Amino acid sequence: MLSVIAYIHVKPEKTDEAINAAKELVEKVKDEEGTLFYSFSVSEKDPSTIVFMERYKDMDAISAHSSTPHFKEFMKKAAAFSSMPPEVNIYKEISSI
């Protein structure tokens, strides 16, 4: 399995817009085959940072997710509300519960 942790730094005045777009994305991601876990959170330390935590069956599932129309639409919206490019980290899962 692979885990992804992605950070999106949002312009403070665009936080509500970003959260609404992320909620829409999560609702559509739930039907993707190979996506095992997908959530987003807002940092308590910095409310303008959205953190996505994701788990996928394999790299093909990550590629499939990144190719969906809803992900592409989210990234298009993110370009307008982000203060910098997203930071995306992929990890090979070693152990979990």
N, C-alpha and C. Protein backbone atom coordinates (compact mmCIF):
# COMPACT_ATOMS: atom_id res chain seq x y z
N MET A 1 0.84 -1.18 0.00
CA MET A 1 0.00 0.00 0.00
C MET A 1 0.88 1.24 0.00
N LEU A 2 0.29 2.30 -0.52
CA LEU A 2 0.98 3.59 -0.54
C LEU A 2 0.14 4.63 0.17
N SER A 3 0.82 5.49 0.89
CA SER A 3 0.15 6.60 1.56
C SER A 3 0.61 7.91 0.94
N VAL A 4 -0.29 8.86 0.89
CA VAL A 4 0.02 10.19 0.37
C VAL A 4 -0.36 11.20 1.44
N ILE A 5 0.52 12.14 1.68
CA ILE A 5 0.21 13.29 2.51
C ILE A 5 0.49 14.52 1.65
N ALA A 6 -0.56 15.31 1.45
CA ALA A 6 -0.44 16.48 0.59
C ALA A 6 -0.86 17.72 1.37
N TYR A 7 -0.11 18.77 1.21
CA TYR A 7 -0.39 20.04 1.87
C TYR A 7 -0.77 21.09 0.83
N ILE A 8 -1.85 21.78 1.09
CA ILE A 8 -2.23 22.90 0.25
C ILE A 8 -2.28 24.13 1.14
N HIS A 9 -1.48 25.11 0.79
CA HIS A 9 -1.42 26.36 1.55
C HIS A 9 -2.37 27.34 0.86
N VAL A 10 -3.35 27.78 1.61
CA VAL A 10 -4.46 28.56 1.07
C VAL A 10 -4.31 30.03 1.43
N LYS A 11 -4.65 30.89 0.48
CA LYS A 11 -4.72 32.32 0.78
C LYS A 11 -5.77 32.49 1.88
N PRO A 12 -5.44 33.20 2.98
CA PRO A 12 -6.36 33.31 4.12
C PRO A 12 -7.78 33.72 3.75
N GLU A 13 -7.92 34.61 2.79
CA GLU A 13 -9.26 35.07 2.41
C GLU A 13 -10.01 34.03 1.56
N LYS A 14 -9.34 32.94 1.18
CA LYS A 14 -9.95 31.91 0.33
C LYS A 14 -10.18 30.59 1.08
N THR A 15 -10.04 30.61 2.41
CA THR A 15 -10.14 29.38 3.19
C THR A 15 -11.49 28.69 3.02
N ASP A 16 -12.59 29.41 3.12
CA ASP A 16 -13.91 28.80 2.97
C ASP A 16 -14.08 28.17 1.59
N GLU A 17 -13.63 28.87 0.57
CA GLU A 17 -13.70 28.35 -0.80
C GLU A 17 -12.91 27.05 -0.93
N ALA A 18 -11.73 27.01 -0.33
CA ALA A 18 -10.88 25.82 -0.39
C ALA A 18 -11.51 24.65 0.34
N ILE A 19 -12.06 24.90 1.52
CA ILE A 19 -12.70 23.83 2.29
C ILE A 19 -13.90 23.27 1.53
N ASN A 20 -14.71 24.12 0.93
CA ASN A 20 -15.86 23.65 0.17
C ASN A 20 -15.42 22.80 -1.03
N ALA A 21 -14.38 23.22 -1.72
CA ALA A 21 -13.87 22.46 -2.85
C ALA A 21 -13.32 21.10 -2.40
N ALA A 22 -12.64 21.08 -1.26
CA ALA A 22 -12.10 19.82 -0.73
C ALA A 22 -13.23 18.88 -0.33
N LYS A 23 -14.29 19.39 0.28
CA LYS A 23 -15.44 18.56 0.63
C LYS A 23 -16.06 17.93 -0.62
N GLU A 24 -16.20 18.72 -1.67
CA GLU A 24 -16.74 18.20 -2.93
C GLU A 24 -15.85 17.09 -3.48
N LEU A 25 -14.54 17.29 -3.41
CA LEU A 25 -13.60 16.29 -3.92
C LEU A 25 -13.73 14.99 -3.14
N VAL A 26 -13.72 15.06 -1.82
CA VAL A 26 -13.80 13.85 -1.00
C VAL A 26 -15.08 13.07 -1.31
N GLU A 27 -16.17 13.76 -1.51
CA GLU A 27 -17.44 13.10 -1.81
C GLU A 27 -17.34 12.28 -3.10
N LYS A 28 -16.58 12.75 -4.07
CA LYS A 28 -16.45 12.04 -5.34
C LYS A 28 -15.37 10.96 -5.30
N VAL A 29 -14.37 11.15 -4.49
CA VAL A 29 -13.27 10.19 -4.40
C VAL A 29 -13.73 8.88 -3.77
N LYS A 30 -14.76 8.92 -2.94
CA LYS A 30 -15.19 7.71 -2.21
C LYS A 30 -15.56 6.55 -3.13
N ASP A 31 -15.85 6.83 -4.39
CA ASP A 31 -16.23 5.76 -5.33
C ASP A 31 -15.07 5.25 -6.17
N GLU A 32 -13.87 5.76 -5.96
CA GLU A 32 -12.72 5.33 -6.75
C GLU A 32 -12.22 3.96 -6.29
N GLU A 33 -12.05 3.09 -7.25
CA GLU A 33 -11.49 1.77 -6.94
C GLU A 33 -10.00 1.93 -6.66
N GLY A 34 -9.50 1.30 -5.63
CA GLY A 34 -8.09 1.38 -5.29
C GLY A 34 -7.75 2.48 -4.30
N THR A 35 -8.72 3.38 -4.06
CA THR A 35 -8.53 4.40 -3.03
C THR A 35 -9.10 3.83 -1.73
N LEU A 36 -8.25 3.60 -0.76
CA LEU A 36 -8.64 2.92 0.47
C LEU A 36 -9.01 3.87 1.60
N PHE A 37 -8.44 5.06 1.57
CA PHE A 37 -8.69 6.06 2.62
C PHE A 37 -8.40 7.42 2.02
N TYR A 38 -9.25 8.40 2.34
CA TYR A 38 -9.05 9.74 1.78
C TYR A 38 -9.72 10.73 2.72
N SER A 39 -8.94 11.60 3.29
CA SER A 39 -9.51 12.61 4.19
C SER A 39 -8.73 13.91 4.05
N PHE A 40 -9.36 14.96 4.51
CA PHE A 40 -8.63 16.22 4.59
C PHE A 40 -8.91 16.85 5.93
N SER A 41 -7.93 17.59 6.40
CA SER A 41 -8.02 18.27 7.69
C SER A 41 -7.47 19.67 7.52
N VAL A 42 -7.81 20.51 8.46
CA VAL A 42 -7.28 21.87 8.49
C VAL A 42 -6.37 21.96 9.71
N SER A 43 -5.20 22.49 9.52
CA SER A 43 -4.24 22.60 10.59
C SER A 43 -4.77 23.51 11.71
N GLU A 44 -4.67 23.05 12.94
CA GLU A 44 -5.06 23.89 14.08
C GLU A 44 -4.04 25.01 14.27
N LYS A 45 -2.79 24.72 13.94
CA LYS A 45 -1.74 25.72 14.10
C LYS A 45 -1.84 26.81 13.04
N ASP A 46 -2.22 26.40 11.83
CA ASP A 46 -2.32 27.34 10.71
C ASP A 46 -3.56 26.99 9.88
N PRO A 47 -4.71 27.61 10.17
CA PRO A 47 -5.97 27.26 9.49
C PRO A 47 -5.95 27.46 7.98
N SER A 48 -4.92 28.10 7.46
CA SER A 48 -4.84 28.26 6.02
C SER A 48 -4.07 27.11 5.36
N THR A 49 -3.78 26.05 6.12
CA THR A 49 -3.13 24.86 5.57
C THR A 49 -4.11 23.69 5.61
N ILE A 50 -4.39 23.16 4.45
CA ILE A 50 -5.23 21.96 4.32
C ILE A 50 -4.30 20.78 4.11
N VAL A 51 -4.55 19.70 4.84
CA VAL A 51 -3.73 18.50 4.74
C VAL A 51 -4.63 17.35 4.26
N PHE A 52 -4.24 16.74 3.16
CA PHE A 52 -4.92 15.54 2.67
C PHE A 52 -4.12 14.33 3.11
N MET A 53 -4.81 13.34 3.69
CA MET A 53 -4.19 12.07 4.06
C MET A 53 -4.91 11.00 3.26
N GLU A 54 -4.13 10.22 2.53
CA GLU A 54 -4.70 9.30 1.57
C GLU A 54 -3.99 7.95 1.64
N ARG A 55 -4.72 6.89 1.28
CA ARG A 55 -4.11 5.57 1.21
C ARG A 55 -4.64 4.89 -0.05
N TYR A 56 -3.72 4.29 -0.79
CA TYR A 56 -4.06 3.65 -2.06
C TYR A 56 -3.53 2.23 -2.12
N LYS A 57 -4.19 1.42 -2.91
CA LYS A 57 -3.79 0.03 -3.11
C LYS A 57 -2.39 -0.04 -3.72
N ASP A 58 -2.14 0.82 -4.72
CA ASP A 58 -0.86 0.80 -5.43
C ASP A 58 -0.69 2.08 -6.24
N MET A 59 0.41 2.16 -6.97
CA MET A 59 0.69 3.36 -7.75
C MET A 59 -0.33 3.55 -8.88
N ASP A 60 -0.84 2.46 -9.41
CA ASP A 60 -1.87 2.57 -10.45
C ASP A 60 -3.10 3.28 -9.91
N ALA A 61 -3.45 3.02 -8.65
CA ALA A 61 -4.61 3.69 -8.03
C ALA A 61 -4.35 5.18 -7.85
N ILE A 62 -3.11 5.54 -7.50
CA ILE A 62 -2.76 6.96 -7.38
C ILE A 62 -2.86 7.63 -8.75
N SER A 63 -2.35 6.97 -9.77
CA SER A 63 -2.42 7.52 -11.13
C SER A 63 -3.86 7.66 -11.59
N ALA A 64 -4.69 6.66 -11.28
CA ALA A 64 -6.10 6.73 -11.67
C ALA A 64 -6.78 7.89 -10.97
N HIS A 65 -6.51 8.06 -9.68
CA HIS A 65 -7.09 9.17 -8.92
C HIS A 65 -6.69 10.51 -9.54
N SER A 66 -5.41 10.65 -9.85
CA SER A 66 -4.90 11.91 -10.40
C SER A 66 -5.44 12.22 -11.79
N SER A 67 -5.99 11.21 -12.44
CA SER A 67 -6.51 11.37 -13.80
C SER A 67 -8.02 11.62 -13.86
N THR A 68 -8.70 11.55 -12.72
CA THR A 68 -10.15 11.70 -12.74
C THR A 68 -10.55 13.15 -13.03
N PRO A 69 -11.71 13.33 -13.65
CA PRO A 69 -12.20 14.69 -13.90
C PRO A 69 -12.38 15.50 -12.61
N HIS A 70 -12.85 14.85 -11.53
CA HIS A 70 -13.07 15.60 -10.29
C HIS A 70 -11.76 16.06 -9.65
N PHE A 71 -10.70 15.26 -9.76
CA PHE A 71 -9.41 15.69 -9.23
C PHE A 71 -8.85 16.84 -10.06
N LYS A 72 -8.95 16.72 -11.38
CA LYS A 72 -8.46 17.78 -12.25
C LYS A 72 -9.22 19.09 -12.01
N GLU A 73 -10.52 18.99 -11.77
CA GLU A 73 -11.34 20.17 -11.49
C GLU A 73 -10.91 20.80 -10.16
N PHE A 74 -10.66 19.95 -9.15
CA PHE A 74 -10.20 20.47 -7.86
C PHE A 74 -8.87 21.20 -8.02
N MET A 75 -7.94 20.63 -8.77
CA MET A 75 -6.64 21.26 -8.94
C MET A 75 -6.77 22.59 -9.69
N LYS A 76 -7.70 22.66 -10.60
CA LYS A 76 -7.95 23.91 -11.31
C LYS A 76 -8.43 24.98 -10.32
N LYS A 77 -9.35 24.60 -9.44
CA LYS A 77 -9.84 25.52 -8.40
C LYS A 77 -8.70 25.88 -7.44
N ALA A 78 -7.89 24.88 -7.10
CA ALA A 78 -6.80 25.10 -6.14
C ALA A 78 -5.80 26.15 -6.64
N ALA A 79 -5.63 26.22 -7.93
CA ALA A 79 -4.72 27.22 -8.48
C ALA A 79 -5.16 28.64 -8.10
N ALA A 80 -6.47 28.82 -7.94
CA ALA A 80 -7.00 30.15 -7.60
C ALA A 80 -6.94 30.44 -6.10
N PHE A 81 -7.03 29.39 -5.25
CA PHE A 81 -7.06 29.67 -3.81
C PHE A 81 -5.74 29.34 -3.09
N SER A 82 -4.79 28.75 -3.78
CA SER A 82 -3.53 28.39 -3.14
C SER A 82 -2.55 29.57 -3.14
N SER A 83 -1.76 29.63 -2.08
CA SER A 83 -0.75 30.67 -2.00
C SER A 83 0.61 30.21 -2.53
N MET A 84 0.74 28.90 -2.79
CA MET A 84 1.96 28.32 -3.35
C MET A 84 1.61 26.95 -3.91
N PRO A 85 2.49 26.35 -4.69
CA PRO A 85 2.20 25.01 -5.22
C PRO A 85 1.99 24.00 -4.09
N PRO A 86 1.14 22.99 -4.31
CA PRO A 86 0.93 21.98 -3.28
C PRO A 86 2.19 21.17 -3.03
N GLU A 87 2.31 20.66 -1.82
CA GLU A 87 3.41 19.77 -1.47
C GLU A 87 2.82 18.37 -1.34
N VAL A 88 3.26 17.44 -2.18
CA VAL A 88 2.72 16.09 -2.20
C VAL A 88 3.84 15.11 -1.90
N ASN A 89 3.61 14.25 -0.90
CA ASN A 89 4.61 13.25 -0.49
C ASN A 89 3.97 11.87 -0.57
N ILE A 90 4.67 10.93 -1.22
CA ILE A 90 4.18 9.56 -1.33
C ILE A 90 5.09 8.65 -0.49
N TYR A 91 4.45 7.80 0.30
CA TYR A 91 5.17 6.90 1.21
C TYR A 91 4.76 5.46 1.00
N LYS A 92 5.71 4.56 1.05
CA LYS A 92 5.43 3.13 1.05
C LYS A 92 5.07 2.75 2.48
N GLU A 93 3.88 2.23 2.65
CA GLU A 93 3.43 1.88 4.00
C GLU A 93 4.13 0.63 4.49
N ILE A 94 4.67 0.70 5.68
CA ILE A 94 5.38 -0.41 6.27
C ILE A 94 4.50 -1.15 7.29
N SER A 95 3.78 -0.41 8.10
CA SER A 95 2.94 -1.01 9.13
C SER A 95 1.80 -0.07 9.46
N SER A 96 0.65 -0.64 9.77
CA SER A 96 -0.50 0.19 10.17
C SER A 96 -1.48 -0.67 10.96
N ILE A 97 -2.46 0.01 11.56
CA ILE A 97 -3.52 -0.73 12.25
C ILE A 97 -4.85 -0.37 11.62
